[in-house]
Every structure is written in structure tokens, then in C-alpha cells.
Protein backbone atom coordinates (compact mmCIF):
# COMPACT_ATOMS: atom_id res chain seq x y z
CA MET A 1 -1.54 -12.97 2.50
CA LYS A 2 -3.47 -10.37 4.36
CA GLU A 3 -2.84 -7.04 5.92
CA GLU A 4 -4.89 -5.06 8.35
CA LEU A 5 -5.07 -1.34 8.93
CA GLN A 6 -4.29 -0.90 12.60
CA ASP A 7 -5.40 2.69 13.04
CA LYS A 8 -5.77 5.92 11.16
CA ASN A 9 -2.27 6.82 12.30
CA SER A 10 -0.78 4.82 9.51
CA THR A 11 0.70 1.47 10.30
CA ILE A 12 -0.34 -1.62 8.43
CA TYR A 13 0.93 -5.16 9.08
CA PHE A 14 1.62 -7.55 6.23
CA GLU A 15 1.63 -11.25 7.00
CA ASP A 16 4.10 -13.15 4.82
CA GLU A 17 4.04 -16.84 3.85
CA GLU A 18 5.83 -17.82 7.06
CA GLY A 19 3.32 -15.95 9.24
CA ASN A 20 5.70 -13.10 10.11
CA ARG A 21 4.00 -9.73 10.64
CA ILE A 22 5.90 -6.99 8.82
CA PRO A 23 5.01 -3.36 9.63
CA PHE A 24 4.57 -0.81 6.85
CA GLU A 25 4.06 2.91 7.26
CA VAL A 26 1.10 4.26 5.31
CA ILE A 27 2.24 7.26 3.28
CA ALA A 28 -1.01 8.01 1.44
CA GLN A 29 -4.43 6.65 0.56
CA ALA A 30 -6.19 7.05 -2.79
CA THR A 31 -9.24 5.84 -4.66
CA SER A 32 -9.16 5.13 -8.37
CA GLU A 33 -12.04 3.71 -10.40
CA GLY A 34 -13.86 2.81 -7.18
CA ARG A 35 -10.93 0.88 -5.71
CA ASP A 36 -9.03 1.88 -2.58
CA TYR A 37 -5.23 1.90 -2.54
CA LEU A 38 -2.48 2.54 -0.02
CA LEU A 39 1.03 3.73 -0.71
CA VAL A 40 3.13 2.14 2.03
CA GLU A 41 6.80 2.14 2.96
CA ASP A 42 8.89 -0.58 4.52
CA PRO A 43 10.86 1.48 7.05
CA ASP A 44 13.65 -1.11 7.22
CA GLU A 45 14.23 -1.25 3.47
CA GLY A 46 13.15 2.29 2.56
CA LEU A 47 11.09 0.89 -0.32
CA ALA A 48 7.51 1.85 -1.12
CA TYR A 49 4.74 -0.46 -2.30
CA ILE A 50 1.18 0.00 -3.49
CA MET A 51 -1.54 -2.15 -1.95
CA GLU A 52 -5.15 -2.54 -3.09
CA ALA A 53 -8.00 -3.17 -0.66
CA CYS A 54 -9.64 -6.47 -1.64
CA ALA A 55 -12.11 -7.21 1.14
CA SER A 56 -13.39 -5.88 4.44
CA VAL A 57 -14.86 -7.96 7.24
CA ASP A 58 -15.68 -6.29 10.54
CA ASP A 59 -12.63 -4.12 11.36
CA THR A 60 -10.18 -6.12 9.22
CA VAL A 61 -9.33 -5.05 5.68
CA THR A 62 -7.48 -7.43 3.39
CA TYR A 63 -5.03 -5.98 0.86
CA ARG A 64 -3.01 -7.35 -2.02
CA MET A 65 0.32 -6.07 -3.25
CA VAL A 66 -0.05 -4.48 -6.67
CA ASP A 67 2.53 -6.22 -8.84
CA ASP A 68 1.53 -5.37 -12.41
CA ASP A 69 4.09 -2.88 -13.81
CA ASP A 70 1.52 -0.92 -15.84
CA GLU A 71 -0.85 -0.68 -12.86
CA ILE A 72 2.02 0.40 -10.60
CA ARG A 73 3.02 3.20 -13.00
CA GLU A 74 -0.59 4.40 -13.34
CA LEU A 75 -1.14 4.40 -9.59
CA GLY A 76 2.31 5.87 -9.04
CA ASN A 77 1.27 8.84 -11.15
CA LEU A 78 -1.85 9.21 -9.00
CA PHE A 79 0.21 9.19 -5.80
CA ASP A 80 2.69 11.62 -7.41
CA GLU A 81 -0.18 14.09 -7.81
CA ILE A 82 -1.34 13.58 -4.22
CA LEU A 83 2.17 13.86 -2.76
CA GLU A 84 3.49 16.93 -4.51
CA ASP A 85 6.67 17.08 -2.44
CA VAL A 86 7.63 13.41 -2.93
CA ASP A 87 9.49 12.11 -5.98
CA LEU A 88 8.66 8.44 -6.69
CA GLU A 89 11.06 6.20 -8.60
CA TYR A 90 10.02 2.84 -10.06
CA GLU A 91 11.82 -0.50 -10.04
CA SER A 92 10.74 -3.50 -12.07
């Protein structure tokens, strides 16, 4: 699975297993321990996800969905600090 940052205006497209391109709105970007992360929202579902940049070739950046609960909570706290007016809730 790969995603690419389309522009600085905050839309990223996730390609699922069937090859469907799903748009996500980028809410925030952060760096932690030298790694770049995006907090994105699926506008259709209203759910937010955290993605980690894995590789960059030319203008295409590949991301992975963060799925480890402990990592999600740690990064969620980071995004909570960045987005003071947003209250994040976690689902497992």
C-alpha cells in the first residue's frame, strides 16, 4: 500500500488492496524521533488515522498506517499538543 502527498494543501490518496484511491484530508504533520507523521481524516467516515512516512522517491512519498496501539497513543498525545483545539479519542 502506498500513499502520495498531492500538494501542501492537504490531500493524500491511499491505495487499498484492490487499487482504489481513497482521499484523506491531512489535519497535521509532525516529526518524532526523526520520523515524519501525518494525522489524516477520512472525510466519508469522519475517522482519523496516523501515517508514517516510509520512503521518498522523486515527488512520491510512501506512507504506512500506524497500527500499534502504544505507538498510536504516543503519537496521539503529540498531535494533541499540536492541535490544542482538537480533542482526539482512541479506538482499538
